All heavy atoms as atom14 arrays in JSON, in Angstrom:
{
  "sequence": "APGKQRELVASITGAGSTNYADSVQGRFTISRDNAKNTVY",
  "atom14_mask": [
    [1, 1, 1, 1, 1, 0, 0, 0, 0, 0, 0, 0, 0, 0],
    [1, 1, 1, 1, 1, 1, 1, 0, 0, 0, 0, 0, 0, 0],
    [1, 1, 1, 1, 0, 0, 0, 0, 0, 0, 0, 0, 0, 0],
    [1, 1, 1, 1, 1, 1, 1, 1, 1, 0, 0, 0, 0, 0],
    [1, 1, 1, 1, 1, 1, 1, 1, 1, 0, 0, 0, 0, 0],
    [1, 1, 1, 1, 1, 1, 1, 1, 1, 1, 1, 0, 0, 0],
    [1, 1, 1, 1, 1, 1, 1, 1, 1, 0, 0, 0, 0, 0],
    [1, 1, 1, 1, 1, 1, 1, 1, 0, 0, 0, 0, 0, 0],
    [1, 1, 1, 1, 1, 1, 1, 0, 0, 0, 0, 0, 0, 0],
    [1, 1, 1, 1, 1, 0, 0, 0, 0, 0, 0, 0, 0, 0],
    [1, 1, 1, 1, 1, 1, 0, 0, 0, 0, 0, 0, 0, 0],
    [1, 1, 1, 1, 1, 1, 1, 1, 0, 0, 0, 0, 0, 0],
    [1, 1, 1, 1, 1, 1, 1, 0, 0, 0, 0, 0, 0, 0],
    [1, 1, 1, 1, 0, 0, 0, 0, 0, 0, 0, 0, 0, 0],
    [1, 1, 1, 1, 1, 0, 0, 0, 0, 0, 0, 0, 0, 0],
    [1, 1, 1, 1, 0, 0, 0, 0, 0, 0, 0, 0, 0, 0],
    [1, 1, 1, 1, 1, 1, 0, 0, 0, 0, 0, 0, 0, 0],
    [1, 1, 1, 1, 1, 1, 1, 0, 0, 0, 0, 0, 0, 0],
    [1, 1, 1, 1, 1, 1, 1, 1, 0, 0, 0, 0, 0, 0],
    [1, 1, 1, 1, 1, 1, 1, 1, 1, 1, 1, 1, 0, 0],
    [1, 1, 1, 1, 1, 0, 0, 0, 0, 0, 0, 0, 0, 0],
    [1, 1, 1, 1, 1, 1, 1, 1, 0, 0, 0, 0, 0, 0],
    [1, 1, 1, 1, 1, 1, 0, 0, 0, 0, 0, 0, 0, 0],
    [1, 1, 1, 1, 1, 1, 1, 0, 0, 0, 0, 0, 0, 0],
    [1, 1, 1, 1, 1, 1, 1, 1, 1, 0, 0, 0, 0, 0],
    [1, 1, 1, 1, 0, 0, 0, 0, 0, 0, 0, 0, 0, 0],
    [1, 1, 1, 1, 1, 1, 1, 1, 1, 1, 1, 0, 0, 0],
    [1, 1, 1, 1, 1, 1, 1, 1, 1, 1, 1, 0, 0, 0],
    [1, 1, 1, 1, 1, 1, 1, 0, 0, 0, 0, 0, 0, 0],
    [1, 1, 1, 1, 1, 1, 1, 1, 0, 0, 0, 0, 0, 0],
    [1, 1, 1, 1, 1, 1, 0, 0, 0, 0, 0, 0, 0, 0],
    [1, 1, 1, 1, 1, 1, 1, 1, 1, 1, 1, 0, 0, 0],
    [1, 1, 1, 1, 1, 1, 1, 1, 0, 0, 0, 0, 0, 0],
    [1, 1, 1, 1, 1, 1, 1, 1, 0, 0, 0, 0, 0, 0],
    [1, 1, 1, 1, 1, 0, 0, 0, 0, 0, 0, 0, 0, 0],
    [1, 1, 1, 1, 1, 1, 1, 1, 1, 0, 0, 0, 0, 0],
    [1, 1, 1, 1, 1, 1, 1, 1, 0, 0, 0, 0, 0, 0],
    [1, 1, 1, 1, 1, 1, 1, 0, 0, 0, 0, 0, 0, 0],
    [1, 1, 1, 1, 1, 1, 1, 0, 0, 0, 0, 0, 0, 0],
    [1, 1, 1, 1, 1, 1, 1, 1, 1, 1, 1, 1, 0, 0]
  ],
  "atom14_positions": [
    [[44.35, -118.5, -13.7], [44.06, -119.01, -12.38], [44.66, -120.4, -12.25], [44.87, -121.09, -13.26], [42.55, -119.05, -12.15], [0.0, 0.0, 0.0], [0.0, 0.0, 0.0], [0.0, 0.0, 0.0], [0.0, 0.0, 0.0], [0.0, 0.0, 0.0], [0.0, 0.0, 0.0], [0.0, 0.0, 0.0], [0.0, 0.0, 0.0], [0.0, 0.0, 0.0]],
    [[44.93, -120.85, -11.04], [45.51, -122.19, -10.85], [44.66, -123.27, -11.5], [43.45, -123.33, -11.32], [45.52, -122.35, -9.33], [45.62, -120.95, -8.81], [44.78, -120.14, -9.76], [0.0, 0.0, 0.0], [0.0, 0.0, 0.0], [0.0, 0.0, 0.0], [0.0, 0.0, 0.0], [0.0, 0.0, 0.0], [0.0, 0.0, 0.0], [0.0, 0.0, 0.0]],
    [[45.31, -124.11, -12.28], [44.62, -125.21, -12.94], [43.82, -124.82, -14.16], [43.13, -125.67, -14.73], [0.0, 0.0, 0.0], [0.0, 0.0, 0.0], [0.0, 0.0, 0.0], [0.0, 0.0, 0.0], [0.0, 0.0, 0.0], [0.0, 0.0, 0.0], [0.0, 0.0, 0.0], [0.0, 0.0, 0.0], [0.0, 0.0, 0.0], [0.0, 0.0, 0.0]],
    [[43.87, -123.56, -14.55], [43.12, -123.1, -15.7], [44.04, -122.53, -16.77], [45.19, -122.22, -16.52], [42.09, -122.05, -15.28], [41.03, -122.56, -14.32], [39.99, -121.5, -14.03], [38.91, -122.03, -13.11], [37.88, -120.99, -12.83], [0.0, 0.0, 0.0], [0.0, 0.0, 0.0], [0.0, 0.0, 0.0], [0.0, 0.0, 0.0], [0.0, 0.0, 0.0]],
    [[43.5, -122.42, -17.97], [44.26, -121.88, -19.08], [44.34, -120.36, -18.99], [43.46, -119.7, -18.44], [43.62, -122.29, -20.41], [43.58, -123.78, -20.66], [43.01, -124.1, -22.01], [43.7, -123.96, -23.04], [41.76, -124.52, -22.03], [0.0, 0.0, 0.0], [0.0, 0.0, 0.0], [0.0, 0.0, 0.0], [0.0, 0.0, 0.0], [0.0, 0.0, 0.0]],
    [[45.39, -119.83, -19.56], [45.53, -118.39, -19.63], [44.5, -117.82, -20.61], [44.3, -118.37, -21.7], [46.94, -118.03, -20.08], [47.25, -116.54, -20.03], [48.71, -116.27, -20.33], [49.59, -116.89, -19.35], [50.9, -116.74, -19.32], [51.51, -115.97, -20.22], [51.63, -117.36, -18.4], [0.0, 0.0, 0.0], [0.0, 0.0, 0.0], [0.0, 0.0, 0.0]],
    [[43.88, -116.73, -20.23], [42.85, -116.13, -21.06], [43.08, -114.64, -21.22], [43.62, -113.98, -20.34], [41.46, -116.38, -20.46], [41.24, -115.73, -19.1], [39.83, -115.87, -18.59], [38.95, -116.31, -19.37], [39.58, -115.53, -17.42], [0.0, 0.0, 0.0], [0.0, 0.0, 0.0], [0.0, 0.0, 0.0], [0.0, 0.0, 0.0], [0.0, 0.0, 0.0]],
    [[42.63, -114.14, -22.33], [42.71, -112.71, -22.59], [41.69, -111.97, -21.73], [40.52, -112.34, -21.7], [42.46, -112.41, -24.06], [42.36, -110.93, -24.45], [43.72, -110.25, -24.27], [41.86, -110.78, -25.87], [0.0, 0.0, 0.0], [0.0, 0.0, 0.0], [0.0, 0.0, 0.0], [0.0, 0.0, 0.0], [0.0, 0.0, 0.0], [0.0, 0.0, 0.0]],
    [[42.13, -110.93, -21.07], [41.25, -110.08, -20.28], [40.85, -108.85, -21.07], [39.67, -108.53, -21.21], [41.9, -109.67, -18.95], [40.98, -108.74, -18.16], [42.26, -110.89, -18.13], [0.0, 0.0, 0.0], [0.0, 0.0, 0.0], [0.0, 0.0, 0.0], [0.0, 0.0, 0.0], [0.0, 0.0, 0.0], [0.0, 0.0, 0.0], [0.0, 0.0, 0.0]],
    [[41.84, -108.15, -21.58], [41.59, -106.94, -22.35], [42.82, -106.59, -23.16], [43.94, -106.93, -22.79], [41.22, -105.77, -21.43], [0.0, 0.0, 0.0], [0.0, 0.0, 0.0], [0.0, 0.0, 0.0], [0.0, 0.0, 0.0], [0.0, 0.0, 0.0], [0.0, 0.0, 0.0], [0.0, 0.0, 0.0], [0.0, 0.0, 0.0], [0.0, 0.0, 0.0]],
    [[42.6, -105.92, -24.27], [43.71, -105.47, -25.1], [43.38, -104.1, -25.68], [42.22, -103.7, -25.76], [44.0, -106.46, -26.22], [42.91, -106.56, -27.11], [0.0, 0.0, 0.0], [0.0, 0.0, 0.0], [0.0, 0.0, 0.0], [0.0, 0.0, 0.0], [0.0, 0.0, 0.0], [0.0, 0.0, 0.0], [0.0, 0.0, 0.0], [0.0, 0.0, 0.0]],
    [[44.42, -103.41, -26.1], [44.25, -102.08, -26.67], [45.35, -101.8, -27.67], [46.51, -102.15, -27.46], [44.22, -101.01, -25.56], [43.92, -99.62, -26.13], [45.53, -101.01, -24.77], [43.62, -98.59, -25.07], [0.0, 0.0, 0.0], [0.0, 0.0, 0.0], [0.0, 0.0, 0.0], [0.0, 0.0, 0.0], [0.0, 0.0, 0.0], [0.0, 0.0, 0.0]],
    [[44.99, -101.19, -28.78], [45.97, -100.82, -29.78], [46.43, -99.4, -29.53], [45.87, -98.66, -28.73], [45.39, -100.91, -31.2], [44.38, -99.91, -31.37], [44.8, -102.29, -31.46], [0.0, 0.0, 0.0], [0.0, 0.0, 0.0], [0.0, 0.0, 0.0], [0.0, 0.0, 0.0], [0.0, 0.0, 0.0], [0.0, 0.0, 0.0], [0.0, 0.0, 0.0]],
    [[47.47, -99.0, -30.26], [47.97, -97.64, -30.13], [46.95, -96.6, -30.54], [46.98, -95.46, -30.05], [0.0, 0.0, 0.0], [0.0, 0.0, 0.0], [0.0, 0.0, 0.0], [0.0, 0.0, 0.0], [0.0, 0.0, 0.0], [0.0, 0.0, 0.0], [0.0, 0.0, 0.0], [0.0, 0.0, 0.0], [0.0, 0.0, 0.0], [0.0, 0.0, 0.0]],
    [[46.03, -96.97, -31.41], [44.99, -96.06, -31.86], [43.81, -96.01, -30.89], [42.9, -95.2, -31.09], [44.5, -96.47, -33.24], [0.0, 0.0, 0.0], [0.0, 0.0, 0.0], [0.0, 0.0, 0.0], [0.0, 0.0, 0.0], [0.0, 0.0, 0.0], [0.0, 0.0, 0.0], [0.0, 0.0, 0.0], [0.0, 0.0, 0.0], [0.0, 0.0, 0.0]],
    [[43.82, -96.86, -29.88], [42.77, -96.82, -28.88], [41.67, -97.84, -29.04], [40.68, -97.8, -28.3], [0.0, 0.0, 0.0], [0.0, 0.0, 0.0], [0.0, 0.0, 0.0], [0.0, 0.0, 0.0], [0.0, 0.0, 0.0], [0.0, 0.0, 0.0], [0.0, 0.0, 0.0], [0.0, 0.0, 0.0], [0.0, 0.0, 0.0], [0.0, 0.0, 0.0]],
    [[41.8, -98.74, -29.99], [40.8, -99.78, -30.16], [40.94, -100.81, -29.04], [42.02, -101.33, -28.8], [40.97, -100.45, -31.51], [40.02, -101.48, -31.7], [0.0, 0.0, 0.0], [0.0, 0.0, 0.0], [0.0, 0.0, 0.0], [0.0, 0.0, 0.0], [0.0, 0.0, 0.0], [0.0, 0.0, 0.0], [0.0, 0.0, 0.0], [0.0, 0.0, 0.0]],
    [[39.83, -101.11, -28.37], [39.87, -102.01, -27.21], [39.07, -103.27, -27.44], [38.15, -103.32, -28.26], [39.34, -101.31, -25.96], [37.99, -100.87, -26.19], [40.19, -100.1, -25.61], [0.0, 0.0, 0.0], [0.0, 0.0, 0.0], [0.0, 0.0, 0.0], [0.0, 0.0, 0.0], [0.0, 0.0, 0.0], [0.0, 0.0, 0.0], [0.0, 0.0, 0.0]],
    [[39.42, -104.28, -26.68], [38.72, -105.55, -26.7], [38.7, -106.11, -25.29], [39.72, -106.09, -24.6], [39.4, -106.52, -27.66], [38.64, -107.82, -27.8], [37.46, -107.82, -28.12], [39.32, -108.93, -27.57], [0.0, 0.0, 0.0], [0.0, 0.0, 0.0], [0.0, 0.0, 0.0], [0.0, 0.0, 0.0], [0.0, 0.0, 0.0], [0.0, 0.0, 0.0]],
    [[37.54, -106.62, -24.86], [37.39, -107.13, -23.51], [36.78, -108.52, -23.53], [35.95, -108.85, -24.37], [36.47, -106.24, -22.68], [37.0, -104.86, -22.41], [36.68, -103.8, -23.24], [37.81, -104.61, -21.3], [37.16, -102.52, -22.99], [38.28, -103.34, -21.04], [37.95, -102.29, -21.89], [38.43, -101.03, -21.62], [0.0, 0.0, 0.0], [0.0, 0.0, 0.0]],
    [[37.19, -109.3, -22.57], [36.53, -110.57, -22.34], [35.12, -110.3, -21.81], [34.9, -109.33, -21.09], [37.3, -111.41, -21.33], [0.0, 0.0, 0.0], [0.0, 0.0, 0.0], [0.0, 0.0, 0.0], [0.0, 0.0, 0.0], [0.0, 0.0, 0.0], [0.0, 0.0, 0.0], [0.0, 0.0, 0.0], [0.0, 0.0, 0.0], [0.0, 0.0, 0.0]],
    [[34.18, -111.14, -22.18], [32.8, -110.95, -21.73], [32.69, -110.91, -20.21], [31.86, -110.19, -19.66], [31.91, -112.07, -22.28], [31.71, -111.98, -23.77], [31.94, -110.89, -24.35], [31.31, -112.99, -24.37], [0.0, 0.0, 0.0], [0.0, 0.0, 0.0], [0.0, 0.0, 0.0], [0.0, 0.0, 0.0], [0.0, 0.0, 0.0], [0.0, 0.0, 0.0]],
    [[33.52, -111.66, -19.54], [33.44, -111.77, -18.1], [33.84, -110.5, -17.36], [33.5, -110.33, -16.19], [34.3, -112.93, -17.6], [35.65, -112.75, -17.97], [0.0, 0.0, 0.0], [0.0, 0.0, 0.0], [0.0, 0.0, 0.0], [0.0, 0.0, 0.0], [0.0, 0.0, 0.0], [0.0, 0.0, 0.0], [0.0, 0.0, 0.0], [0.0, 0.0, 0.0]],
    [[34.56, -109.61, -18.04], [35.02, -108.4, -17.38], [34.45, -107.12, -17.98], [34.62, -106.04, -17.41], [36.56, -108.3, -17.39], [37.18, -109.56, -16.81], [37.09, -108.04, -18.79], [0.0, 0.0, 0.0], [0.0, 0.0, 0.0], [0.0, 0.0, 0.0], [0.0, 0.0, 0.0], [0.0, 0.0, 0.0], [0.0, 0.0, 0.0], [0.0, 0.0, 0.0]],
    [[33.78, -107.24, -19.09], [33.24, -106.06, -19.76], [32.26, -105.33, -18.86], [31.38, -105.93, -18.24], [32.56, -106.47, -21.07], [32.29, -105.29, -21.99], [32.07, -105.74, -23.43], [31.54, -106.83, -23.66], [32.47, -104.93, -24.37], [0.0, 0.0, 0.0], [0.0, 0.0, 0.0], [0.0, 0.0, 0.0], [0.0, 0.0, 0.0], [0.0, 0.0, 0.0]],
    [[32.44, -104.03, -18.77], [31.61, -103.22, -17.9], [32.21, -103.02, -16.53], [31.78, -102.11, -15.8], [0.0, 0.0, 0.0], [0.0, 0.0, 0.0], [0.0, 0.0, 0.0], [0.0, 0.0, 0.0], [0.0, 0.0, 0.0], [0.0, 0.0, 0.0], [0.0, 0.0, 0.0], [0.0, 0.0, 0.0], [0.0, 0.0, 0.0], [0.0, 0.0, 0.0]],
    [[33.18, -103.84, -16.18], [33.82, -103.73, -14.87], [35.28, -103.27, -14.99], [35.77, -102.55, -14.12], [33.77, -105.06, -14.12], [32.37, -105.55, -13.83], [32.38, -106.77, -12.93], [33.05, -107.91, -13.55], [34.14, -108.51, -13.06], [34.68, -108.08, -11.92], [34.67, -109.55, -13.69], [0.0, 0.0, 0.0], [0.0, 0.0, 0.0], [0.0, 0.0, 0.0]],
    [[35.94, -103.72, -16.03], [37.35, -103.39, -16.24], [37.5, -102.38, -17.37], [36.73, -102.39, -18.33], [38.16, -104.64, -16.61], [38.29, -105.65, -15.5], [37.59, -105.54, -14.31], [39.13, -106.74, -15.67], [37.72, -106.48, -13.31], [39.27, -107.69, -14.68], [38.56, -107.57, -13.49], [0.0, 0.0, 0.0], [0.0, 0.0, 0.0], [0.0, 0.0, 0.0]],
    [[38.51, -101.55, -17.26], [38.82, -100.59, -18.29], [40.31, -100.61, -18.58], [41.13, -100.46, -17.67], [38.41, -99.16, -17.89], [37.01, -99.13, -17.6], [38.71, -98.19, -19.03], [0.0, 0.0, 0.0], [0.0, 0.0, 0.0], [0.0, 0.0, 0.0], [0.0, 0.0, 0.0], [0.0, 0.0, 0.0], [0.0, 0.0, 0.0], [0.0, 0.0, 0.0]],
    [[40.65, -100.8, -19.83], [42.05, -100.8, -20.23], [42.39, -99.47, -20.89], [41.56, -98.89, -21.61], [42.38, -101.97, -21.17], [43.89, -102.1, -21.38], [41.65, -101.84, -22.5], [44.3, -103.38, -22.09], [0.0, 0.0, 0.0], [0.0, 0.0, 0.0], [0.0, 0.0, 0.0], [0.0, 0.0, 0.0], [0.0, 0.0, 0.0], [0.0, 0.0, 0.0]],
    [[43.57, -98.98, -20.64], [44.03, -97.73, -21.24], [45.54, -97.79, -21.4], [46.2, -98.67, -20.84], [43.62, -96.53, -20.39], [44.2, -96.59, -19.1], [0.0, 0.0, 0.0], [0.0, 0.0, 0.0], [0.0, 0.0, 0.0], [0.0, 0.0, 0.0], [0.0, 0.0, 0.0], [0.0, 0.0, 0.0], [0.0, 0.0, 0.0], [0.0, 0.0, 0.0]],
    [[46.08, -96.86, -22.15], [47.53, -96.83, -22.33], [48.03, -95.42, -22.52], [47.31, -94.54, -22.98], [47.95, -97.71, -23.51], [47.41, -97.27, -24.86], [47.76, -98.28, -25.95], [49.15, -98.16, -26.4], [49.73, -98.98, -27.27], [49.05, -100.02, -27.76], [50.99, -98.78, -27.64], [0.0, 0.0, 0.0], [0.0, 0.0, 0.0], [0.0, 0.0, 0.0]],
    [[49.27, -95.24, -22.15], [49.97, -93.98, -22.33], [51.12, -94.29, -23.29], [52.12, -94.87, -22.91], [50.49, -93.46, -20.99], [51.12, -92.09, -21.11], [51.61, -91.73, -22.2], [51.14, -91.36, -20.1], [0.0, 0.0, 0.0], [0.0, 0.0, 0.0], [0.0, 0.0, 0.0], [0.0, 0.0, 0.0], [0.0, 0.0, 0.0], [0.0, 0.0, 0.0]],
    [[50.94, -93.9, -24.53], [51.94, -94.23, -25.54], [53.28, -93.56, -25.29], [54.33, -94.13, -25.62], [51.42, -93.84, -26.93], [50.24, -94.7, -27.36], [50.11, -95.85, -26.96], [49.39, -94.13, -28.2], [0.0, 0.0, 0.0], [0.0, 0.0, 0.0], [0.0, 0.0, 0.0], [0.0, 0.0, 0.0], [0.0, 0.0, 0.0], [0.0, 0.0, 0.0]],
    [[53.26, -92.38, -24.72], [54.5, -91.67, -24.44], [55.33, -92.4, -23.4], [56.56, -92.32, -23.4], [54.21, -90.24, -23.99], [0.0, 0.0, 0.0], [0.0, 0.0, 0.0], [0.0, 0.0, 0.0], [0.0, 0.0, 0.0], [0.0, 0.0, 0.0], [0.0, 0.0, 0.0], [0.0, 0.0, 0.0], [0.0, 0.0, 0.0], [0.0, 0.0, 0.0]],
    [[54.67, -93.1, -22.49], [55.35, -93.83, -21.44], [55.45, -95.33, -21.71], [56.01, -96.06, -20.9], [54.63, -93.61, -20.11], [54.64, -92.17, -19.62], [53.93, -92.05, -18.29], [53.96, -90.63, -17.77], [53.26, -90.5, -16.46], [0.0, 0.0, 0.0], [0.0, 0.0, 0.0], [0.0, 0.0, 0.0], [0.0, 0.0, 0.0], [0.0, 0.0, 0.0]],
    [[54.89, -95.77, -22.83], [54.85, -97.19, -23.15], [54.28, -98.0, -21.99], [54.83, -99.04, -21.61], [56.24, -97.69, -23.55], [56.69, -97.15, -24.88], [55.91, -97.08, -25.83], [57.96, -96.77, -24.97], [0.0, 0.0, 0.0], [0.0, 0.0, 0.0], [0.0, 0.0, 0.0], [0.0, 0.0, 0.0], [0.0, 0.0, 0.0], [0.0, 0.0, 0.0]],
    [[53.19, -97.51, -21.47], [52.58, -98.12, -20.3], [51.11, -98.42, -20.57], [50.4, -97.61, -21.17], [52.71, -97.2, -19.08], [54.09, -96.96, -18.81], [52.07, -97.83, -17.85], [0.0, 0.0, 0.0], [0.0, 0.0, 0.0], [0.0, 0.0, 0.0], [0.0, 0.0, 0.0], [0.0, 0.0, 0.0], [0.0, 0.0, 0.0], [0.0, 0.0, 0.0]],
    [[50.68, -99.57, -20.11], [49.28, -99.96, -20.21], [48.73, -100.15, -18.81], [49.43, -100.61, -17.9], [49.11, -101.24, -21.06], [49.82, -102.43, -20.41], [47.63, -101.55, -21.28], [0.0, 0.0, 0.0], [0.0, 0.0, 0.0], [0.0, 0.0, 0.0], [0.0, 0.0, 0.0], [0.0, 0.0, 0.0], [0.0, 0.0, 0.0], [0.0, 0.0, 0.0]],
    [[47.46, -99.78, -18.63], [46.81, -99.86, -17.34], [45.56, -100.71, -17.44], [44.93, -100.8, -18.49], [46.41, -98.47, -16.83], [47.54, -97.47, -16.83], [47.75, -96.63, -17.91], [48.39, -97.37, -15.73], [48.78, -95.7, -17.9], [49.43, -96.44, -15.72], [49.61, -95.61, -16.81], [50.64, -94.7, -16.79], [0.0, 0.0, 0.0], [0.0, 0.0, 0.0]]
  ]
}
């Protein structure tokens, strides 16, 4: 955000292990399609 530091929102490994920031947990969902090299 303007004037603020960059922060991690969510991450995911190829095996499906996920990590979320506390501020978004329960509201955001991260996923990926390995065949398409795409993350959502």
